[in-house]
Each structure stands twice: as C-alpha cells, then as structure tokens.
C-alpha cells in the first residue's frame, strides 16, 4: 500500500485533528475512566454471567422436558378415565340374579 493512498492520508488527517484536540484533555480523566472500565470488567468476570446463563438455560430445558412428560402422562390418565366412564356406563345398575347367602327355612304348611 502506498503512503500517498487516500485511505492513509485520510487516517493521517484524522490523527492530526485528534492530536490537536487532545491538548486540552485531562489525561487523569482517561485514567479514571480506564479504572472504572477495569473495575466493571472485573465485576462482570466475578459475576460469572455466562456460566449462570448456561445453567439457567439447562434448567429451562429440563423444566420443558418435565412439562412435556407431565402433559403426556395427563393425556394418558384422561384416556384411562374416559375408558372407566364408558365401562361404568355399560354396567347394569341392579343385580339380576340375587342369591340368598343364608337360606330361609320354609315355613310349615298351615292346616
């Protein structure tokens, strides 16, 4: 790349403008800002956000699996319940053959 290329010249012009404007900037403010950024970065690393987020996602996937399993079990129970209702509807309500467990002695004929 040539030193006289428009991109290089443009960057050099920007650097010249920035360096001219930097003369009135307090360097301690930049140092303070860098300290704040470093502190925030350290807190972010200590918070372990990525691992916590991964754990929450894993837990959410497990809960989704449980919900799917429970929904399948509920559907099976509902089918069983409907089957029991149909069986109950077909059962007779009275017994047609009554059996006396203790036979009654016949009464003697009256003369």
N, C-alpha and C. Protein backbone atom coordinates (compact mmCIF):
# COMPACT_ATOMS: atom_id res chain seq x y z
N UNK A 1 0.86 -1.17 0.00
CA UNK A 1 0.00 0.00 0.00
C UNK A 1 0.90 1.22 0.00
N UNK A 2 0.52 2.16 -0.74
CA UNK A 2 1.31 3.37 -0.93
C UNK A 2 1.00 4.37 0.19
N UNK A 3 1.99 5.11 0.64
CA UNK A 3 1.81 6.09 1.69
C UNK A 3 0.92 7.23 1.22
N UNK A 4 0.89 7.42 -0.07
CA UNK A 4 0.08 8.50 -0.62
C UNK A 4 -1.35 8.06 -0.94
N UNK A 5 -1.76 6.86 -0.51
CA UNK A 5 -3.11 6.41 -0.82
C UNK A 5 -4.11 7.28 -0.06
N UNK A 6 -5.32 7.42 -0.61
CA UNK A 6 -6.31 8.28 0.02
C UNK A 6 -6.69 7.82 1.43
N UNK A 7 -6.68 6.51 1.67
CA UNK A 7 -7.04 5.99 2.99
C UNK A 7 -6.00 6.39 4.05
N UNK A 8 -4.74 6.23 3.69
CA UNK A 8 -3.67 6.58 4.62
C UNK A 8 -3.69 8.08 4.89
N UNK A 9 -3.85 8.85 3.85
CA UNK A 9 -3.88 10.31 4.02
C UNK A 9 -5.07 10.72 4.88
N UNK A 10 -6.20 10.06 4.69
CA UNK A 10 -7.39 10.37 5.47
C UNK A 10 -7.16 10.03 6.95
N UNK A 11 -6.56 8.86 7.22
CA UNK A 11 -6.26 8.48 8.59
C UNK A 11 -5.25 9.43 9.23
N UNK A 12 -4.27 9.83 8.45
CA UNK A 12 -3.27 10.76 8.98
C UNK A 12 -3.91 12.11 9.31
N UNK A 13 -4.84 12.54 8.49
CA UNK A 13 -5.54 13.80 8.75
C UNK A 13 -6.38 13.68 10.02
N UNK A 14 -7.04 12.54 10.19
CA UNK A 14 -7.84 12.34 11.40
C UNK A 14 -6.95 12.34 12.65
N UNK A 15 -5.81 11.65 12.56
CA UNK A 15 -4.89 11.62 13.69
C UNK A 15 -4.37 13.02 14.02
N UNK A 16 -4.11 13.82 13.00
CA UNK A 16 -3.64 15.19 13.22
C UNK A 16 -4.71 16.02 13.93
N UNK A 17 -5.99 15.85 13.51
CA UNK A 17 -7.09 16.58 14.14
C UNK A 17 -7.26 16.12 15.58
N UNK A 18 -7.19 14.81 15.79
CA UNK A 18 -7.34 14.29 17.14
C UNK A 18 -6.21 14.75 18.05
N UNK A 19 -4.99 14.73 17.56
CA UNK A 19 -3.87 15.15 18.39
C UNK A 19 -3.95 16.63 18.71
N UNK A 20 -4.48 17.43 17.79
CA UNK A 20 -4.65 18.86 18.06
C UNK A 20 -5.73 19.07 19.11
N UNK A 21 -6.76 18.26 19.08
CA UNK A 21 -7.85 18.40 20.05
C UNK A 21 -7.51 17.80 21.41
N UNK A 22 -6.54 16.93 21.47
CA UNK A 22 -6.17 16.25 22.71
C UNK A 22 -5.36 17.14 23.64
N UNK A 23 -4.90 18.25 23.16
CA UNK A 23 -4.04 19.08 24.00
C UNK A 23 -4.79 19.62 25.21
N UNK A 24 -6.11 19.82 25.12
CA UNK A 24 -6.87 20.36 26.23
C UNK A 24 -7.52 19.29 27.09
N UNK A 25 -7.28 18.00 26.81
CA UNK A 25 -7.92 16.90 27.53
C UNK A 25 -7.06 16.50 28.72
N UNK A 26 -7.74 16.29 29.85
CA UNK A 26 -7.05 15.88 31.08
C UNK A 26 -6.80 14.38 31.02
N UNK A 27 -5.56 13.99 31.07
CA UNK A 27 -5.19 12.57 30.98
C UNK A 27 -5.65 11.81 32.22
N UNK A 28 -5.76 12.47 33.36
CA UNK A 28 -6.19 11.78 34.58
C UNK A 28 -7.65 11.33 34.46
N UNK A 29 -8.47 12.07 33.70
CA UNK A 29 -9.85 11.67 33.48
C UNK A 29 -9.90 10.37 32.70
N UNK A 30 -9.01 10.23 31.73
CA UNK A 30 -8.93 8.97 30.97
C UNK A 30 -8.46 7.83 31.87
N UNK A 31 -7.51 8.12 32.75
CA UNK A 31 -7.03 7.09 33.67
C UNK A 31 -8.16 6.66 34.61
N UNK A 32 -8.93 7.64 35.10
CA UNK A 32 -10.07 7.33 35.95
C UNK A 32 -11.10 6.48 35.21
N UNK A 33 -11.38 6.87 33.99
CA UNK A 33 -12.33 6.13 33.17
C UNK A 33 -11.83 4.71 32.93
N UNK A 34 -10.53 4.56 32.69
CA UNK A 34 -9.96 3.23 32.48
C UNK A 34 -10.08 2.40 33.75
N UNK A 35 -9.89 3.01 34.91
CA UNK A 35 -10.05 2.29 36.18
C UNK A 35 -11.49 1.82 36.37
N UNK A 36 -12.45 2.69 36.03
CA UNK A 36 -13.87 2.31 36.15
C UNK A 36 -14.18 1.16 35.21
N UNK A 37 -13.67 1.23 33.98
CA UNK A 37 -13.90 0.16 33.00
C UNK A 37 -13.27 -1.14 33.48
N UNK A 38 -12.05 -1.07 34.01
CA UNK A 38 -11.38 -2.27 34.52
C UNK A 38 -12.15 -2.88 35.69
N UNK A 39 -12.65 -2.01 36.57
CA UNK A 39 -13.43 -2.49 37.72
C UNK A 39 -14.72 -3.16 37.25
N UNK A 40 -15.41 -2.55 36.30
CA UNK A 40 -16.65 -3.13 35.77
C UNK A 40 -16.36 -4.47 35.09
N UNK A 41 -15.26 -4.53 34.35
CA UNK A 41 -14.88 -5.77 33.68
C UNK A 41 -14.58 -6.87 34.71
N UNK A 42 -13.89 -6.50 35.78
CA UNK A 42 -13.58 -7.47 36.84
C UNK A 42 -14.86 -7.97 37.51
N UNK A 43 -15.78 -7.05 37.80
CA UNK A 43 -17.05 -7.45 38.43
C UNK A 43 -17.85 -8.37 37.50
N UNK A 44 -17.82 -8.09 36.22
CA UNK A 44 -18.53 -8.92 35.26
C UNK A 44 -17.94 -10.33 35.23
N UNK A 45 -16.62 -10.41 35.26
CA UNK A 45 -15.99 -11.72 35.30
C UNK A 45 -16.30 -12.45 36.60
N UNK A 46 -16.30 -11.74 37.71
CA UNK A 46 -16.58 -12.36 39.01
C UNK A 46 -18.05 -12.80 39.11
N UNK A 47 -18.94 -12.10 38.43
CA UNK A 47 -20.36 -12.46 38.48
C UNK A 47 -20.62 -13.76 37.76
N UNK A 48 -19.69 -14.15 36.88
CA UNK A 48 -19.80 -15.43 36.18
C UNK A 48 -21.13 -15.53 35.41
N UNK A 49 -21.46 -14.50 34.70
CA UNK A 49 -22.74 -14.39 34.00
C UNK A 49 -22.91 -15.51 32.97
N UNK A 50 -21.87 -15.81 32.22
CA UNK A 50 -22.00 -16.81 31.16
C UNK A 50 -22.36 -18.19 31.72
N UNK A 51 -21.68 -18.58 32.81
CA UNK A 51 -21.97 -19.88 33.41
C UNK A 51 -23.36 -19.90 34.03
N UNK A 52 -23.73 -18.80 34.67
CA UNK A 52 -25.07 -18.73 35.26
C UNK A 52 -26.14 -18.82 34.18
N UNK A 53 -25.93 -18.11 33.07
CA UNK A 53 -26.90 -18.14 31.97
C UNK A 53 -27.01 -19.55 31.40
N UNK A 54 -25.87 -20.23 31.25
CA UNK A 54 -25.88 -21.61 30.74
C UNK A 54 -26.65 -22.52 31.70
N UNK A 55 -26.45 -22.32 33.01
CA UNK A 55 -27.16 -23.14 33.99
C UNK A 55 -28.67 -22.88 33.93
N UNK A 56 -29.05 -21.62 33.75
CA UNK A 56 -30.47 -21.29 33.64
C UNK A 56 -31.07 -21.90 32.38
N UNK A 57 -30.34 -21.86 31.28
CA UNK A 57 -30.83 -22.48 30.05
C UNK A 57 -30.99 -23.99 30.22
N UNK A 58 -30.03 -24.63 30.89
CA UNK A 58 -30.12 -26.07 31.11
C UNK A 58 -31.32 -26.40 31.99
N UNK A 59 -31.55 -25.60 33.02
CA UNK A 59 -32.70 -25.81 33.89
C UNK A 59 -34.00 -25.60 33.14
N UNK A 60 -34.04 -24.59 32.28
CA UNK A 60 -35.25 -24.34 31.48
C UNK A 60 -35.53 -25.51 30.55
N UNK A 61 -34.49 -26.08 29.96
CA UNK A 61 -34.67 -27.24 29.08
C UNK A 61 -35.19 -28.43 29.88
N UNK A 62 -34.69 -28.60 31.11
CA UNK A 62 -35.14 -29.69 31.95
C UNK A 62 -36.61 -29.51 32.35
N UNK A 63 -36.99 -28.28 32.67
CA UNK A 63 -38.38 -27.99 33.02
C UNK A 63 -39.28 -28.24 31.81
N UNK A 64 -38.84 -27.84 30.63
CA UNK A 64 -39.62 -28.11 29.41
C UNK A 64 -39.82 -29.61 29.22
N UNK A 65 -38.77 -30.39 29.48
CA UNK A 65 -38.87 -31.84 29.35
C UNK A 65 -39.87 -32.39 30.36
N UNK A 66 -39.82 -31.88 31.59
CA UNK A 66 -40.77 -32.32 32.62
C UNK A 66 -42.19 -31.98 32.21
N UNK A 67 -42.40 -30.78 31.71
CA UNK A 67 -43.75 -30.38 31.30
C UNK A 67 -44.27 -31.26 30.17
N UNK A 68 -43.41 -31.58 29.23
CA UNK A 68 -43.81 -32.47 28.14
C UNK A 68 -44.18 -33.85 28.68
N UNK A 69 -43.37 -34.33 29.62
CA UNK A 69 -43.63 -35.65 30.22
C UNK A 69 -44.95 -35.62 31.00
N UNK A 70 -45.16 -34.57 31.80
CA UNK A 70 -46.39 -34.47 32.58
C UNK A 70 -47.61 -34.34 31.67
N UNK A 71 -47.48 -33.61 30.58
CA UNK A 71 -48.60 -33.47 29.65
C UNK A 71 -48.94 -34.82 29.02
N UNK A 72 -47.93 -35.61 28.70
CA UNK A 72 -48.17 -36.94 28.14
C UNK A 72 -48.84 -37.85 29.19
N UNK A 73 -48.36 -37.77 30.42
CA UNK A 73 -48.97 -38.57 31.48
C UNK A 73 -50.42 -38.15 31.73
N UNK A 74 -50.67 -36.85 31.72
CA UNK A 74 -52.03 -36.35 31.92
C UNK A 74 -52.95 -36.83 30.80
N UNK A 75 -52.46 -36.80 29.57
CA UNK A 75 -53.28 -37.27 28.44
C UNK A 75 -53.60 -38.76 28.61
N UNK A 76 -52.63 -39.54 29.07
CA UNK A 76 -52.87 -40.97 29.31
C UNK A 76 -53.88 -41.20 30.41
N UNK A 77 -53.78 -40.42 31.48
CA UNK A 77 -54.73 -40.54 32.59
C UNK A 77 -56.13 -40.14 32.14
N UNK A 78 -56.22 -39.11 31.32
CA UNK A 78 -57.54 -38.69 30.81
C UNK A 78 -58.15 -39.78 29.93
N UNK A 79 -57.34 -40.45 29.13
CA UNK A 79 -57.85 -41.56 28.31
C UNK A 79 -58.32 -42.71 29.21
N UNK A 80 -57.54 -43.02 30.24
CA UNK A 80 -57.94 -44.08 31.18
C UNK A 80 -59.25 -43.71 31.88
N UNK A 81 -59.38 -42.48 32.29
CA UNK A 81 -60.59 -42.02 32.96
C UNK A 81 -61.80 -42.12 32.05
N UNK A 82 -61.64 -41.73 30.80
CA UNK A 82 -62.75 -41.84 29.84
C UNK A 82 -63.12 -43.30 29.62
N UNK A 83 -62.13 -44.18 29.56
CA UNK A 83 -62.38 -45.61 29.41
C UNK A 83 -63.17 -46.14 30.62
N UNK A 84 -62.79 -45.73 31.82
CA UNK A 84 -63.51 -46.15 33.03
C UNK A 84 -64.94 -45.62 33.01
N UNK A 85 -65.14 -44.41 32.55
CA UNK A 85 -66.50 -43.86 32.45
C UNK A 85 -67.36 -44.68 31.48
N UNK A 86 -66.75 -45.08 30.36
CA UNK A 86 -67.50 -45.89 29.38
C UNK A 86 -67.84 -47.25 29.96
N UNK A 87 -66.90 -47.85 30.67
CA UNK A 87 -67.17 -49.15 31.30
C UNK A 87 -68.27 -49.00 32.34
N UNK A 88 -68.21 -47.95 33.13
CA UNK A 88 -69.22 -47.71 34.16
C UNK A 88 -70.60 -47.50 33.53
N UNK A 89 -70.66 -46.86 32.39
CA UNK A 89 -71.95 -46.62 31.74
C UNK A 89 -72.57 -47.91 31.23
N UNK A 90 -71.76 -48.92 30.95
CA UNK A 90 -72.30 -50.17 30.41
C UNK A 90 -72.66 -51.18 31.50
N UNK A 91 -72.23 -50.95 32.72
CA UNK A 91 -72.54 -51.89 33.81
C UNK A 91 -74.00 -51.77 34.22
N UNK A 92 -74.64 -52.92 34.50
CA UNK A 92 -76.03 -52.85 34.98
C UNK A 92 -76.07 -52.23 36.38
N UNK A 93 -77.16 -51.58 36.66
CA UNK A 93 -77.30 -50.91 37.96
C UNK A 93 -77.90 -51.84 39.02
N UNK A 94 -78.54 -52.92 38.58
CA UNK A 94 -79.13 -53.89 39.51
C UNK A 94 -78.57 -55.27 39.23
N UNK A 95 -78.56 -56.07 40.25
CA UNK A 95 -78.13 -57.45 40.08
C UNK A 95 -79.36 -58.27 39.68
N UNK A 96 -79.27 -59.02 38.60
CA UNK A 96 -80.41 -59.78 38.10
C UNK A 96 -80.51 -61.16 38.74
N UNK A 97 -79.47 -61.64 39.31
CA UNK A 97 -79.52 -62.95 39.96
C UNK A 97 -79.12 -62.74 41.41
N UNK A 98 -80.13 -62.68 42.23
CA UNK A 98 -79.88 -62.47 43.65
C UNK A 98 -79.76 -63.82 44.33
N UNK A 99 -78.75 -63.95 45.11
CA UNK A 99 -78.51 -65.21 45.83
C UNK A 99 -78.64 -64.90 47.32
N UNK A 100 -79.43 -65.73 47.97
CA UNK A 100 -79.53 -65.62 49.42
C UNK A 100 -78.37 -66.37 50.03
N UNK A 101 -77.60 -65.68 50.80
CA UNK A 101 -76.45 -66.32 51.41
C UNK A 101 -76.87 -67.24 52.56
N UNK A 102 -77.91 -66.89 53.24
CA UNK A 102 -78.43 -67.75 54.31
C UNK A 102 -79.84 -68.17 53.92
N UNK A 103 -79.98 -69.42 53.54
CA UNK A 103 -81.30 -69.86 53.11
C UNK A 103 -82.31 -69.78 54.26
N UNK A 104 -83.47 -69.39 53.91
CA UNK A 104 -84.56 -69.28 54.89
C UNK A 104 -85.28 -70.62 54.93
N UNK A 105 -85.53 -71.10 56.13
CA UNK A 105 -86.25 -72.37 56.28
C UNK A 105 -87.68 -72.20 55.80
N UNK A 106 -88.15 -73.11 55.06
CA UNK A 106 -89.53 -72.97 54.61
C UNK A 106 -90.48 -73.09 55.80
N UNK A 107 -91.49 -72.33 55.73
CA UNK A 107 -92.47 -72.37 56.82
C UNK A 107 -93.33 -73.62 56.64
N UNK A 108 -93.70 -74.22 57.74
CA UNK A 108 -94.54 -75.42 57.61
C UNK A 108 -95.91 -75.01 57.06
N UNK A 109 -96.49 -75.90 56.32
CA UNK A 109 -97.80 -75.57 55.75
C UNK A 109 -98.84 -75.37 56.86
N UNK A 110 -99.66 -74.45 56.63
CA UNK A 110 -100.72 -74.18 57.59
C UNK A 110 -101.90 -75.08 57.34
N UNK A 111 -102.49 -75.83 58.33
CA UNK A 111 -103.62 -76.76 58.18
C UNK A 111 -104.79 -76.22 58.81
